[in-house]
PDB file of N, CA and C in Angstrom:
ATOM      1  N   MET A   1     -10.487  14.334 -15.477  1.00  0.00           N
ATOM      2  CA  MET A   1     -10.056  13.388 -14.467  1.00  0.00           C
ATOM      3  C   MET A   1      -8.730  13.878 -13.883  1.00  0.00           C
ATOM      4  N   ALA A   2      -8.655  13.948 -12.577  1.00  0.00           N
ATOM      5  CA  ALA A   2      -7.453  14.429 -11.894  1.00  0.00           C
ATOM      6  C   ALA A   2      -6.551  13.272 -11.479  1.00  0.00           C
ATOM      7  N   VAL A   3      -5.282  13.569 -11.302  1.00  0.00           N
ATOM      8  CA  VAL A   3      -4.334  12.617 -10.725  1.00  0.00           C
ATOM      9  C   VAL A   3      -4.301  12.884  -9.225  1.00  0.00           C
ATOM     10  N   ARG A   4      -4.503  11.844  -8.450  1.00  0.00           N
ATOM     11  CA  ARG A   4      -4.482  11.934  -6.989  1.00  0.00           C
ATOM     12  C   ARG A   4      -3.504  10.903  -6.445  1.00  0.00           C
ATOM     13  N   ALA A   5      -3.143  11.044  -5.184  1.00  0.00           N
ATOM     14  CA  ALA A   5      -2.271  10.090  -4.511  1.00  0.00           C
ATOM     15  C   ALA A   5      -2.993   9.542  -3.291  1.00  0.00           C
ATOM     16  N   VAL A   6      -2.846   8.248  -3.078  1.00  0.00           N
ATOM     17  CA  VAL A   6      -3.438   7.573  -1.925  1.00  0.00           C
ATOM     18  C   VAL A   6      -2.307   6.937  -1.131  1.00  0.00           C
ATOM     19  N   ARG A   7      -2.291   7.184   0.172  1.00  0.00           N
ATOM     20  CA  ARG A   7      -1.293   6.603   1.066  1.00  0.00           C
ATOM     21  C   ARG A   7      -1.895   5.425   1.801  1.00  0.00           C
ATOM     22  N   GLY A   8      -1.022   4.546   2.262  1.00  0.00           N
ATOM     23  CA  GLY A   8      -1.472   3.430   3.070  1.00  0.00           C
ATOM     24  C   GLY A   8      -0.310   2.669   3.666  1.00  0.00           C
ATOM     25  N   ALA A   9      -0.609   1.842   4.657  1.00  0.00           N
ATOM     26  CA  ALA A   9       0.416   1.016   5.279  1.00  0.00           C
ATOM     27  C   ALA A   9      -0.227  -0.142   6.021  1.00  0.00           C
ATOM     28  N   VAL A  10       0.577  -1.166   6.218  1.00  0.00           N
ATOM     29  CA  VAL A  10       0.161  -2.319   7.005  1.00  0.00           C
ATOM     30  C   VAL A  10       1.394  -2.877   7.703  1.00  0.00           C
ATOM     31  N   GLN A  11       1.200  -3.364   8.919  1.00  0.00           N
ATOM     32  CA  GLN A  11       2.298  -4.005   9.636  1.00  0.00           C
ATOM     33  C   GLN A  11       2.120  -5.513   9.550  1.00  0.00           C
ATOM     34  N   LEU A  12       3.199  -6.203   9.224  1.00  0.00           N
ATOM     35  CA  LEU A  12       3.188  -7.660   9.177  1.00  0.00           C
ATOM     36  C   LEU A  12       3.536  -8.204  10.556  1.00  0.00           C
ATOM     37  N   GLU A  13       2.957  -9.346  10.894  1.00  0.00           N
ATOM     38  CA  GLU A  13       3.284  -9.991  12.157  1.00  0.00           C
ATOM     39  C   GLU A  13       4.605 -10.756  12.071  1.00  0.00           C
ATOM     40  N   ARG A  14       4.943 -11.201  10.838  1.00  0.00           N
ATOM     41  CA  ARG A  14       6.164 -11.983  10.638  1.00  0.00           C
ATOM     42  C   ARG A  14       6.646 -11.778   9.210  1.00  0.00           C
ATOM     43  N   ASP A  15       7.902 -12.045   8.977  1.00  0.00           N
ATOM     44  CA  ASP A  15       8.510 -11.881   7.662  1.00  0.00           C
ATOM     45  C   ASP A  15       8.457 -13.198   6.891  1.00  0.00           C
ATOM     46  N   GLU A  16       7.314 -13.459   6.287  1.00  0.00           N
ATOM     47  CA  GLU A  16       7.101 -14.648   5.462  1.00  0.00           C
ATOM     48  C   GLU A  16       6.377 -14.221   4.198  1.00  0.00           C
ATOM     49  N   ALA A  17       6.801 -14.774   3.068  1.00  0.00           N
ATOM     50  CA  ALA A  17       6.245 -14.363   1.773  1.00  0.00           C
ATOM     51  C   ALA A  17       4.729 -14.517   1.717  1.00  0.00           C
ATOM     52  N   GLY A  18       4.196 -15.634   2.154  1.00  0.00           N
ATOM     53  CA  GLY A  18       2.745 -15.844   2.115  1.00  0.00           C
ATOM     54  C   GLY A  18       1.992 -14.851   2.975  1.00  0.00           C
ATOM     55  N   HIS A  19       2.576 -14.531   4.122  1.00  0.00           N
ATOM     56  CA  HIS A  19       1.959 -13.554   5.020  1.00  0.00           C
ATOM     57  C   HIS A  19       1.999 -12.161   4.388  1.00  0.00           C
ATOM     58  N   MET A  20       3.118 -11.845   3.722  1.00  0.00           N
ATOM     59  CA  MET A  20       3.203 -10.561   3.023  1.00  0.00           C
ATOM     60  C   MET A  20       2.148 -10.486   1.923  1.00  0.00           C
ATOM     61  N   ASP A  21       1.984 -11.567   1.174  1.00  0.00           N
ATOM     62  CA  ASP A  21       0.955 -11.601   0.128  1.00  0.00           C
ATOM     63  C   ASP A  21      -0.418 -11.274   0.719  1.00  0.00           C
ATOM     64  N   GLU A  22      -0.726 -11.897   1.840  1.00  0.00           N
ATOM     65  CA  GLU A  22      -2.025 -11.700   2.490  1.00  0.00           C
ATOM     66  C   GLU A  22      -2.211 -10.251   2.936  1.00  0.00           C
ATOM     67  N   LYS A  23      -1.227  -9.708   3.640  1.00  0.00           N
ATOM     68  CA  LYS A  23      -1.353  -8.361   4.209  1.00  0.00           C
ATOM     69  C   LYS A  23      -1.316  -7.266   3.139  1.00  0.00           C
ATOM     70  N   VAL A  24      -0.406  -7.391   2.173  1.00  0.00           N
ATOM     71  CA  VAL A  24      -0.328  -6.393   1.099  1.00  0.00           C
ATOM     72  C   VAL A  24      -1.584  -6.483   0.231  1.00  0.00           C
ATOM     73  N   GLY A  25      -2.047  -7.692  -0.016  1.00  0.00           N
ATOM     74  CA  GLY A  25      -3.291  -7.866  -0.765  1.00  0.00           C
ATOM     75  C   GLY A  25      -4.470  -7.203  -0.074  1.00  0.00           C
ATOM     76  N   ALA A  26      -4.549  -7.373   1.252  1.00  0.00           N
ATOM     77  CA  ALA A  26      -5.631  -6.742   2.020  1.00  0.00           C
ATOM     78  C   ALA A  26      -5.526  -5.221   1.958  1.00  0.00           C
ATOM     79  N   LEU A  27      -4.306  -4.690   2.028  1.00  0.00           N
ATOM     80  CA  LEU A  27      -4.104  -3.240   1.962  1.00  0.00           C
ATOM     81  C   LEU A  27      -4.549  -2.690   0.608  1.00  0.00           C
ATOM     82  N   LEU A  28      -4.097  -3.314  -0.463  1.00  0.00           N
ATOM     83  CA  LEU A  28      -4.464  -2.829  -1.802  1.00  0.00           C
ATOM     84  C   LEU A  28      -5.958  -2.959  -2.057  1.00  0.00           C
ATOM     85  N   THR A  29      -6.541  -4.050  -1.619  1.00  0.00           N
ATOM     86  CA  THR A  29      -7.989  -4.248  -1.782  1.00  0.00           C
ATOM     87  C   THR A  29      -8.757  -3.169  -1.023  1.00  0.00           C
ATOM     88  N   ALA A  30      -8.318  -2.858   0.197  1.00  0.00           N
ATOM     89  CA  ALA A  30      -8.987  -1.818   0.988  1.00  0.00           C
ATOM     90  C   ALA A  30      -8.862  -0.446   0.333  1.00  0.00           C
ATOM     91  N   VAL A  31      -7.683  -0.144  -0.214  1.00  0.00           N
ATOM     92  CA  VAL A  31      -7.495   1.140  -0.904  1.00  0.00           C
ATOM     93  C   VAL A  31      -8.466   1.252  -2.074  1.00  0.00           C
ATOM     94  N   LEU A  32      -8.569   0.196  -2.867  1.00  0.00           N
ATOM     95  CA  LEU A  32      -9.481   0.225  -4.017  1.00  0.00           C
ATOM     96  C   LEU A  32     -10.927   0.361  -3.559  1.00  0.00           C
ATOM     97  N   GLU A  33     -11.333  -0.463  -2.592  1.00  0.00           N
ATOM     98  CA  GLU A  33     -12.728  -0.443  -2.136  1.00  0.00           C
ATOM     99  C   GLU A  33     -13.120   0.883  -1.497  1.00  0.00           C
ATOM    100  N   ARG A  34     -12.274   1.417  -0.632  1.00  0.00           N
ATOM    101  CA  ARG A  34     -12.625   2.639   0.107  1.00  0.00           C
ATOM    102  C   ARG A  34     -12.604   3.891  -0.763  1.00  0.00           C
ATOM    103  N   ASN A  35     -12.024   3.764  -1.954  1.00  0.00           N
ATOM    104  CA  ASN A  35     -11.979   4.902  -2.871  1.00  0.00           C
ATOM    105  C   ASN A  35     -12.757   4.633  -4.157  1.00  0.00           C
ATOM    106  N   ASP A  36     -13.560   3.572  -4.165  1.00  0.00           N
ATOM    107  CA  ASP A  36     -14.364   3.196  -5.339  1.00  0.00           C
ATOM    108  C   ASP A  36     -13.514   3.152  -6.606  1.00  0.00           C
ATOM    109  N   LEU A  37     -12.395   2.434  -6.527  1.00  0.00           N
ATOM    110  CA  LEU A  37     -11.456   2.326  -7.643  1.00  0.00           C
ATOM    111  C   LEU A  37     -11.393   0.907  -8.178  1.00  0.00           C
ATOM    112  N   THR A  38     -10.888   0.785  -9.391  1.00  0.00           N
ATOM    113  CA  THR A  38     -10.502  -0.500  -9.945  1.00  0.00           C
ATOM    114  C   THR A  38      -9.022  -0.389 -10.313  1.00  0.00           C
ATOM    115  N   ALA A  39      -8.414  -1.491 -10.657  1.00  0.00           N
ATOM    116  CA  ALA A  39      -7.004  -1.453 -11.066  1.00  0.00           C
ATOM    117  C   ALA A  39      -6.811  -0.547 -12.283  1.00  0.00           C
ATOM    118  N   ASP A  40      -7.829  -0.389 -13.117  1.00  0.00           N
ATOM    119  CA  ASP A  40      -7.726   0.497 -14.275  1.00  0.00           C
ATOM    120  C   ASP A  40      -7.538   1.964 -13.878  1.00  0.00           C
ATOM    121  N   ASP A  41      -7.922   2.321 -12.660  1.00  0.00           N
ATOM    122  CA  ASP A  41      -7.766   3.693 -12.185  1.00  0.00           C
ATOM    123  C   ASP A  41      -6.361   3.972 -11.653  1.00  0.00           C
ATOM    124  N   LEU A  42      -5.568   2.920 -11.476  1.00  0.00           N
ATOM    125  CA  LEU A  42      -4.214   3.075 -10.944  1.00  0.00           C
ATOM    126  C   LEU A  42      -3.253   3.524 -12.041  1.00  0.00           C
ATOM    127  N   ILE A  43      -2.462   4.525 -11.734  1.00  0.00           N
ATOM    128  CA  ILE A  43      -1.397   4.968 -12.637  1.00  0.00           C
ATOM    129  C   ILE A  43      -0.121   4.213 -12.288  1.00  0.00           C
ATOM    130  N   SER A  44       0.221   4.192 -10.997  1.00  0.00           N
ATOM    131  CA  SER A  44       1.390   3.468 -10.518  1.00  0.00           C
ATOM    132  C   SER A  44       1.287   3.317  -9.012  1.00  0.00           C
ATOM    133  N   VAL A  45       2.078   2.373  -8.474  1.00  0.00           N
ATOM    134  CA  VAL A  45       2.116   2.185  -7.025  1.00  0.00           C
ATOM    135  C   VAL A  45       3.572   2.052  -6.602  1.00  0.00           C
ATOM    136  N   TRP A  46       3.936   2.851  -5.598  1.00  0.00           N
ATOM    137  CA  TRP A  46       5.259   2.822  -4.999  1.00  0.00           C
ATOM    138  C   TRP A  46       5.125   2.121  -3.651  1.00  0.00           C
ATOM    139  N   PHE A  47       5.897   1.073  -3.443  1.00  0.00           N
ATOM    140  CA  PHE A  47       5.906   0.333  -2.187  1.00  0.00           C
ATOM    141  C   PHE A  47       7.218   0.607  -1.462  1.00  0.00           C
ATOM    142  N   THR A  48       7.155   0.765  -0.145  1.00  0.00           N
ATOM    143  CA  THR A  48       8.375   0.731   0.655  1.00  0.00           C
ATOM    144  C   THR A  48       8.178  -0.333   1.724  1.00  0.00           C
ATOM    145  N   ALA A  49       9.286  -0.927   2.131  1.00  0.00           N
ATOM    146  CA  ALA A  49       9.266  -1.922   3.200  1.00  0.00           C
ATOM    147  C   ALA A  49      10.380  -1.577   4.180  1.00  0.00           C
ATOM    148  N   THR A  50      10.126  -1.793   5.448  1.00  0.00           N
ATOM    149  CA  THR A  50      11.158  -1.549   6.445  1.00  0.00           C
ATOM    150  C   THR A  50      12.307  -2.537   6.233  1.00  0.00           C
ATOM    151  N   PRO A  51      13.507  -2.188   6.676  1.00  0.00           N
ATOM    152  CA  PRO A  51      14.698  -3.005   6.412  1.00  0.00           C
ATOM    153  C   PRO A  51      14.656  -4.415   7.002  1.00  0.00           C
ATOM    154  N   ASP A  52      13.714  -4.679   7.903  1.00  0.00           N
ATOM    155  CA  ASP A  52      13.623  -6.011   8.502  1.00  0.00           C
ATOM    156  C   ASP A  52      12.769  -6.983   7.685  1.00  0.00           C
ATOM    157  N   LEU A  53      12.251  -6.557   6.544  1.00  0.00           N
ATOM    158  CA  LEU A  53      11.462  -7.438   5.669  1.00  0.00           C
ATOM    159  C   LEU A  53      12.333  -7.904   4.510  1.00  0.00           C
ATOM    160  N   HIS A  54      12.505  -9.221   4.399  1.00  0.00           N
ATOM    161  CA  HIS A  54      13.395  -9.811   3.405  1.00  0.00           C
ATOM    162  C   HIS A  54      12.749 -10.921   2.591  1.00  0.00           C
ATOM    163  N   SER A  55      11.557 -11.373   2.959  1.00  0.00           N
ATOM    164  CA  SER A  55      10.985 -12.594   2.382  1.00  0.00           C
ATOM    165  C   SER A  55      10.518 -12.441   0.944  1.00  0.00           C
ATOM    166  N   ASP A  56      10.107 -11.243   0.533  1.00  0.00           N
ATOM    167  CA  ASP A  56       9.599 -11.060  -0.828  1.00  0.00           C
ATOM    168  C   ASP A  56       9.434  -9.570  -1.112  1.00  0.00           C
ATOM    169  N   PHE A  57       9.166  -9.273  -2.362  1.00  0.00           N
ATOM    170  CA  PHE A  57       8.873  -7.904  -2.769  1.00  0.00           C
ATOM    171  C   PHE A  57       7.381  -7.638  -2.561  1.00  0.00           C
ATOM    172  N   PRO A  58       7.010  -6.520  -1.944  1.00  0.00           N
ATOM    173  CA  PRO A  58       5.588  -6.203  -1.823  1.00  0.00           C
ATOM    174  C   PRO A  58       4.886  -6.136  -3.180  1.00  0.00           C
ATOM    175  N   ALA A  59       5.581  -5.685  -4.216  1.00  0.00           N
ATOM    176  CA  ALA A  59       4.966  -5.619  -5.551  1.00  0.00           C
ATOM    177  C   ALA A  59       4.584  -6.999  -6.060  1.00  0.00           C
ATOM    178  N   ALA A  60       5.324  -8.023  -5.654  1.00  0.00           N
ATOM    179  CA  ALA A  60       4.989  -9.392  -6.065  1.00  0.00           C
ATOM    180  C   ALA A  60       3.618  -9.788  -5.522  1.00  0.00           C
ATOM    181  N   ALA A  61       3.303  -9.336  -4.317  1.00  0.00           N
ATOM    182  CA  ALA A  61       1.986  -9.612  -3.746  1.00  0.00           C
ATOM    183  C   ALA A  61       0.890  -8.953  -4.570  1.00  0.00           C
ATOM    184  N   ALA A  62       1.146  -7.745  -5.054  1.00  0.00           N
ATOM    185  CA  ALA A  62       0.162  -7.050  -5.895  1.00  0.00           C
ATOM    186  C   ALA A  62      -0.069  -7.810  -7.187  1.00  0.00           C
ATOM    187  N   ARG A  63       0.986  -8.293  -7.796  1.00  0.00           N
ATOM    188  CA  ARG A  63       0.848  -9.045  -9.047  1.00  0.00           C
ATOM    189  C   ARG A  63       0.002 -10.298  -8.847  1.00  0.00           C
ATOM    190  N   LYS A  64       0.117 -10.917  -7.679  1.00  0.00           N
ATOM    191  CA  LYS A  64      -0.640 -12.140  -7.385  1.00  0.00           C
ATOM    192  C   LYS A  64      -2.131 -11.878  -7.222  1.00  0.00           C
ATOM    193  N   LEU A  65      -2.505 -10.621  -6.972  1.00  0.00           N
ATOM    194  CA  LEU A  65      -3.917 -10.283  -6.839  1.00  0.00           C
ATOM    195  C   LEU A  65      -4.669 -10.447  -8.146  1.00  0.00           C
ATOM    196  N   GLY A  66      -3.951 -10.312  -9.264  1.00  0.00           N
ATOM    197  CA  GLY A  66      -4.632 -10.347 -10.560  1.00  0.00           C
ATOM    198  C   GLY A  66      -5.493  -9.112 -10.705  1.00  0.00           C
ATOM    199  N   GLY A  67      -6.633  -9.244 -11.349  1.00  0.00           N
ATOM    200  CA  GLY A  67      -7.583  -8.150 -11.437  1.00  0.00           C
ATOM    201  C   GLY A  67      -7.050  -6.870 -12.041  1.00  0.00           C
ATOM    202  N   GLY A  68      -6.128  -6.952 -12.975  1.00  0.00           N
ATOM    203  CA  GLY A  68      -5.643  -5.762 -13.645  1.00  0.00           C
ATOM    204  C   GLY A  68      -4.328  -5.233 -13.126  1.00  0.00           C
ATOM    205  N   PHE A  69      -3.766  -5.826 -12.094  1.00  0.00           N
ATOM    206  CA  PHE A  69      -2.485  -5.348 -11.571  1.00  0.00           C
ATOM    207  C   PHE A  69      -1.309  -5.728 -12.465  1.00  0.00           C
ATOM    208  N   ALA A  70      -1.515  -6.610 -13.410  1.00  0.00           N
ATOM    209  CA  ALA A  70      -0.410  -7.094 -14.250  1.00  0.00           C
ATOM    210  C   ALA A  70       0.259  -5.980 -15.053  1.00  0.00           C
ATOM    211  N   ASP A  71      -0.506  -4.970 -15.464  1.00  0.00           N
ATOM    212  CA  ASP A  71       0.093  -3.918 -16.285  1.00  0.00           C
ATOM    213  C   ASP A  71       0.196  -2.561 -15.580  1.00  0.00           C
ATOM    214  N   VAL A  72       0.028  -2.553 -14.253  1.00  0.00           N
ATOM    215  CA  VAL A  72       0.217  -1.325 -13.476  1.00  0.00           C
ATOM    216  C   VAL A  72       1.701  -1.234 -13.106  1.00  0.00           C
ATOM    217  N   PRO A  73       2.363  -0.111 -13.392  1.00  0.00           N
ATOM    218  CA  PRO A  73       3.759   0.031 -12.984  1.00  0.00           C
ATOM    219  C   PRO A  73       3.877   0.016 -11.451  1.00  0.00           C
ATOM    220  N   LEU A  74       4.725  -0.875 -10.954  1.00  0.00           N
ATOM    221  CA  LEU A  74       4.951  -1.028  -9.515  1.00  0.00           C
ATOM    222  C   LEU A  74       6.444  -0.949  -9.247  1.00  0.00           C
ATOM    223  N   ILE A  75       6.820  -0.375  -8.121  1.00  0.00           N
ATOM    224  CA  ILE A  75       8.229  -0.325  -7.747  1.00  0.00           C
ATOM    225  C   ILE A  75       8.338  -0.463  -6.232  1.00  0.00           C
ATOM    226  N   CYS A  76       9.427  -1.071  -5.796  1.00  0.00           N
ATOM    227  CA  CYS A  76       9.689  -1.256  -4.369  1.00  0.00           C
ATOM    228  C   CYS A  76      10.958  -0.506  -3.976  1.00  0.00           C
ATOM    229  N   ALA A  77      10.974  -0.045  -2.734  1.00  0.00           N
ATOM    230  CA  ALA A  77      12.156   0.606  -2.171  1.00  0.00           C
ATOM    231  C   ALA A  77      12.199   0.285  -0.689  1.00  0.00           C
ATOM    232  N   GLN A  78      13.362   0.495  -0.095  1.00  0.00           N
ATOM    233  CA  GLN A  78      13.505   0.258   1.333  1.00  0.00           C
ATOM    234  C   GLN A  78      13.231   1.544   2.090  1.00  0.00           C
ATOM    235  N   GLU A  79      12.453   1.415   3.138  1.00  0.00           N
ATOM    236  CA  GLU A  79      12.158   2.534   4.031  1.00  0.00           C
ATOM    237  C   GLU A  79      13.423   2.891   4.812  1.00  0.00           C
ATOM    238  N   LEU A  80      13.534   4.111   5.266  1.00  0.00           N
ATOM    239  CA  LEU A  80      14.669   4.518   6.094  1.00  0.00           C
ATOM    240  C   LEU A  80      14.736   3.677   7.366  1.00  0.00           C
ATOM    241  N   ASP A  81      15.934   3.361   7.793  1.00  0.00           N
ATOM    242  CA  ASP A  81      16.155   2.567   8.999  1.00  0.00           C
ATOM    243  C   ASP A  81      16.303   3.516  10.189  1.00  0.00           C
ATOM    244  N   ILE A  82      15.174   3.927  10.745  1.00  0.00           N
ATOM    245  CA  ILE A  82      15.147   4.904  11.825  1.00  0.00           C
ATOM    246  C   ILE A  82      14.987   4.180  13.161  1.00  0.00           C
ATOM    247  N   GLU A  83      15.853   4.486  14.103  1.00  0.00           N
ATOM    248  CA  GLU A  83      15.781   3.854  15.413  1.00  0.00           C
ATOM    249  C   GLU A  83      14.427   4.119  16.058  1.00  0.00           C
ATOM    250  N   GLY A  84      13.789   3.059  16.549  1.00  0.00           N
ATOM    251  CA  GLY A  84      12.502   3.177  17.219  1.00  0.00           C
ATOM    252  C   GLY A  84      11.302   3.156  16.286  1.00  0.00           C
ATOM    253  N   ALA A  85      11.533   3.070  14.978  1.00  0.00           N
ATOM    254  CA  ALA A  85      10.410   3.032  14.026  1.00  0.00           C
ATOM    255  C   ALA A  85       9.658   1.709  14.143  1.00  0.00           C
ATOM    256  N   MET A  86       8.404   1.729  13.771  1.00  0.00           N
ATOM    257  CA  MET A  86       7.592   0.519  13.790  1.00  0.00           C
ATOM    258  C   MET A  86       8.216  -0.528  12.860  1.00  0.00           C
ATOM    259  N   PRO A  87       8.380  -1.757  13.333  1.00  0.00           N
ATOM    260  CA  PRO A  87       8.981  -2.799  12.496  1.00  0.00           C
ATOM    261  C   PRO A  87       7.983  -3.450  11.545  1.00  0.00           C
ATOM    262  N   ARG A  88       8.511  -4.121  10.532  1.00  0.00           N
ATOM    263  CA  ARG A  88       7.761  -4.964   9.583  1.00  0.00           C
ATOM    264  C   ARG A  88       6.580  -4.225   8.933  1.00  0.00           C
ATOM    265  N   VAL A  89       6.856  -3.054   8.385  1.00  0.00           N
ATOM    266  CA  VAL A  89       5.806  -2.240   7.784  1.00  0.00           C
ATOM    267  C   VAL A  89       6.011  -2.128   6.276  1.00  0.00           C
ATOM    268  N   VAL A  90       4.923  -2.319   5.542  1.00  0.00           N
ATOM    269  CA  VAL A  90       4.892  -2.040   4.109  1.00  0.00           C
ATOM    270  C   VAL A  90       3.998  -0.822   3.931  1.00  0.00           C
ATOM    271  N   ARG A  91       4.540   0.174   3.227  1.00  0.00           N
ATOM    272  CA  ARG A  91       3.782   1.390   2.931  1.00  0.00           C
ATOM    273  C   ARG A  91       3.554   1.472   1.430  1.00  0.00           C
ATOM    274  N   ILE A  92       2.484   2.163   1.046  1.00  0.00           N
ATOM    275  CA  ILE A  92       2.234   2.393  -0.375  1.00  0.00           C
ATOM    276  C   ILE A  92       1.952   3.871  -0.620  1.00  0.00           C
ATOM    277  N   LEU A  93       2.274   4.283  -1.820  1.00  0.00           N
ATOM    278  CA  LEU A  93       1.864   5.565  -2.363  1.00  0.00           C
ATOM    279  C   LEU A  93       1.347   5.241  -3.758  1.00  0.00           C
ATOM    280  N   ALA A  94       0.036   5.259  -3.910  1.00  0.00           N
ATOM    281  CA  ALA A  94      -0.596   4.916  -5.185  1.00  0.00           C
ATOM    282  C   ALA A  94      -1.035   6.182  -5.891  1.00  0.00           C
ATOM    283  N   HIS A  95      -0.653   6.318  -7.147  1.00  0.00           N
ATOM    284  CA  HIS A  95      -1.111   7.425  -7.980  1.00  0.00           C
ATOM    285  C   HIS A  95      -2.313   6.925  -8.769  1.00  0.00           C
ATOM    286  N   ILE A  96      -3.390   7.688  -8.711  1.00  0.00           N
ATOM    287  CA  ILE A  96      -4.650   7.246  -9.308  1.00  0.00           C
ATOM    288  C   ILE A  96      -5.255   8.345 -10.169  1.00  0.00           C
ATOM    289  N   GLU A  97      -6.182   7.938 -11.026  1.00  0.00           N
ATOM    290  CA  GLU A  97      -7.039   8.882 -11.734  1.00  0.00           C
ATOM    291  C   GLU A  97      -8.388   8.853 -11.028  1.00  0.00           C
ATOM    292  N   SER A  98      -8.868  10.018 -10.624  1.00  0.00           N
ATOM    293  CA  SER A  98     -10.120  10.072  -9.878  1.00  0.00           C
ATOM    294  C   SER A  98     -10.750  11.448 -10.014  1.00  0.00           C
ATOM    295  N   ASP A  99     -12.071  11.465  -9.988  1.00  0.00           N
ATOM    296  CA  ASP A  99     -12.805  12.721  -9.963  1.00  0.00           C
ATOM    297  C   ASP A  99     -13.001  13.233  -8.535  1.00  0.00           C
ATOM    298  N   ARG A 100     -12.618  12.425  -7.543  1.00  0.00           N
ATOM    299  CA  ARG A 100     -12.770  12.842  -6.149  1.00  0.00           C
ATOM    300  C   ARG A 100     -11.850  14.022  -5.834  1.00  0.00           C
ATOM    301  N   PRO A 101     -12.348  14.980  -5.079  1.00  0.00           N
ATOM    302  CA  PRO A 101     -11.466  16.040  -4.592  1.00  0.00           C
ATOM    303  C   PRO A 101     -10.414  15.427  -3.652  1.00  0.00           C
ATOM    304  N   ARG A 102      -9.273  16.043  -3.569  1.00  0.00           N
ATOM    305  CA  ARG A 102      -8.184  15.533  -2.724  1.00  0.00           C
ATOM    306  C   ARG A 102      -8.654  15.269  -1.296  1.00  0.00           C
ATOM    307  N   ALA A 103      -9.498  16.123  -0.772  1.00  0.00           N
ATOM    308  CA  ALA A 103      -9.984  15.982   0.607  1.00  0.00           C
ATOM    309  C   ALA A 103     -10.857  14.751   0.806  1.00  0.00           C
ATOM    310  N   GLU A 104     -11.354  14.162  -0.279  1.00  0.00           N
ATOM    311  CA  GLU A 104     -12.223  12.987  -0.176  1.00  0.00           C
ATOM    312  C   GLU A 104     -11.499  11.674  -0.462  1.00  0.00           C
ATOM    313  N   ILE A 105     -10.196  11.728  -0.643  1.00  0.00           N
ATOM    314  CA  ILE A 105      -9.419  10.499  -0.831  1.00  0.00           C
ATOM    315  C   ILE A 105      -9.280   9.814   0.525  1.00  0.00           C
ATOM    316  N   ASN A 106      -9.544   8.518   0.552  1.00  0.00           N
ATOM    317  CA  ASN A 106      -9.453   7.737   1.781  1.00  0.00           C
ATOM    318  C   ASN A 106      -8.119   7.009   1.843  1.00  0.00           C
ATOM    319  N   HIS A 107      -7.252   7.458   2.731  1.00  0.00           N
ATOM    320  CA  HIS A 107      -5.972   6.807   2.967  1.00  0.00           C
ATOM    321  C   HIS A 107      -6.218   5.635   3.912  1.00  0.00           C
ATOM    322  N   VAL A 108      -5.476   4.555   3.735  1.00  0.00           N
ATOM    323  CA  VAL A 108      -5.789   3.312   4.439  1.00  0.00           C
ATOM    324  C   VAL A 108      -4.574   2.831   5.230  1.00  0.00           C
ATOM    325  N   TYR A 109      -4.718   2.806   6.533  1.00  0.00           N
ATOM    326  CA  TYR A 109      -3.688   2.290   7.435  1.00  0.00           C
ATOM    327  C   TYR A 109      -4.332   1.179   8.247  1.00  0.00           C
ATOM    328  N   LEU A 110      -3.932  -0.058   7.942  1.00  0.00           N
ATOM    329  CA  LEU A 110      -4.574  -1.223   8.551  1.00  0.00           C
ATOM    330  C   LEU A 110      -3.893  -1.644   9.847  1.00  0.00           C
ATOM    331  N   GLY A 111      -4.710  -2.118  10.784  1.00  0.00           N
ATOM    332  CA  GLY A 111      -4.190  -2.660  12.036  1.00  0.00           C
ATOM    333  C   GLY A 111      -3.315  -1.670  12.784  1.00  0.00           C
ATOM    334  N   ALA A 112      -2.196  -2.174  13.305  1.00  0.00           N
ATOM    335  CA  ALA A 112      -1.294  -1.356  14.112  1.00  0.00           C
ATOM    336  C   ALA A 112      -0.710  -0.190  13.322  1.00  0.00           C
ATOM    337  N   ALA A 113      -0.677  -0.304  11.993  1.00  0.00           N
ATOM    338  CA  ALA A 113      -0.115   0.769  11.165  1.00  0.00           C
ATOM    339  C   ALA A 113      -0.949   2.049  11.233  1.00  0.00           C
ATOM    340  N   ALA A 114      -2.166   1.968  11.733  1.00  0.00           N
ATOM    341  CA  ALA A 114      -2.989   3.177  11.888  1.00  0.00           C
ATOM    342  C   ALA A 114      -2.301   4.192  12.794  1.00  0.00           C
ATOM    343  N   ALA A 115      -1.428   3.727  13.682  1.00  0.00           N
ATOM    344  CA  ALA A 115      -0.711   4.627  14.589  1.00  0.00           C
ATOM    345  C   ALA A 115       0.314   5.488  13.853  1.00  0.00           C
ATOM    346  N   LEU A 116       0.683   5.103  12.628  1.00  0.00           N
ATOM    347  CA  LEU A 116       1.682   5.853  11.887  1.00  0.00           C
ATOM    348  C   LEU A 116       1.178   7.213  11.424  1.00  0.00           C
ATOM    349  N   ARG A 117      -0.081   7.265  11.047  1.00  0.00           N
ATOM    350  CA  ARG A 117      -0.651   8.515  10.519  1.00  0.00           C
ATOM    351  C   ARG A 117      -2.070   8.704  11.035  1.00  0.00           C
ATOM    352  N   LYS A 118      -2.196   8.966  12.310  1.00  0.00           N
ATOM    353  CA  LYS A 118      -3.520   9.169  12.900  1.00  0.00           C
ATOM    354  C   LYS A 118      -4.249  10.345  12.279  1.00  0.00           C
ATOM    355  N   ASP A 119      -3.478  11.261  11.682  1.00  0.00           N
ATOM    356  CA  ASP A 119      -4.092  12.448  11.088  1.00  0.00           C
ATOM    357  C   ASP A 119      -4.835  12.135   9.792  1.00  0.00           C
ATOM    358  N   ILE A 120      -4.445  11.054   9.073  1.00  0.00           N
ATOM    359  CA  ILE A 120      -5.128  10.756   7.813  1.00  0.00           C
ATOM    360  C   ILE A 120      -5.676   9.337   7.731  1.00  0.00           C
ATOM    361  N   ALA A 121      -5.389   8.492   8.718  1.00  0.00           N
ATOM    362  CA  ALA A 121      -5.883   7.112   8.681  1.00  0.00           C
ATOM    363  C   ALA A 121      -7.402   7.099   8.751  1.00  0.00           C
ATOM    364  N   GLN A 122      -7.989   6.238   7.957  1.00  0.00           N
ATOM    365  CA  GLN A 122      -9.452   6.128   7.926  1.00  0.00           C
ATOM    366  C   GLN A 122      -9.902   4.967   8.797  1.00  0.00           C
TER     367      GLN A 122
END
C-alpha cells in the first residue's frame, strides 16, 4: 500500500460556522467518494483557510462528519494573504493509503474553487 496525497478546495459564500461545516463536509465527502476511500484510509489531513475566514476551524467540520474522522490527525493553518487571491477558500492536503497510482488520484475542487487548479481539478 502506497502513501498518496490528495488536494482539494472549496470556496465559502460567507464566513459562518454552519456554512463552513456544510462546505468542508461536502469537500471531504467528495474526496473520499471520488477516490473510493474511507476514513480508515486517511493518514492525516492538512487544512488551510484564507485570512478572511474566522468563524471556525475547518478541522472542526471534519470532526462533525463522524464516520472515523475522530482519530485522524487534522491540523489547520492560515493560507498566505496574497493580493487578488480568491477569498473565503478552504484547501486540503490529505495523506492517504491507496493502491491507486499517483496519476489516478482524483483531486477535488468544488464550485468556484475549480478555477484555482484547472490542471488537476476533476
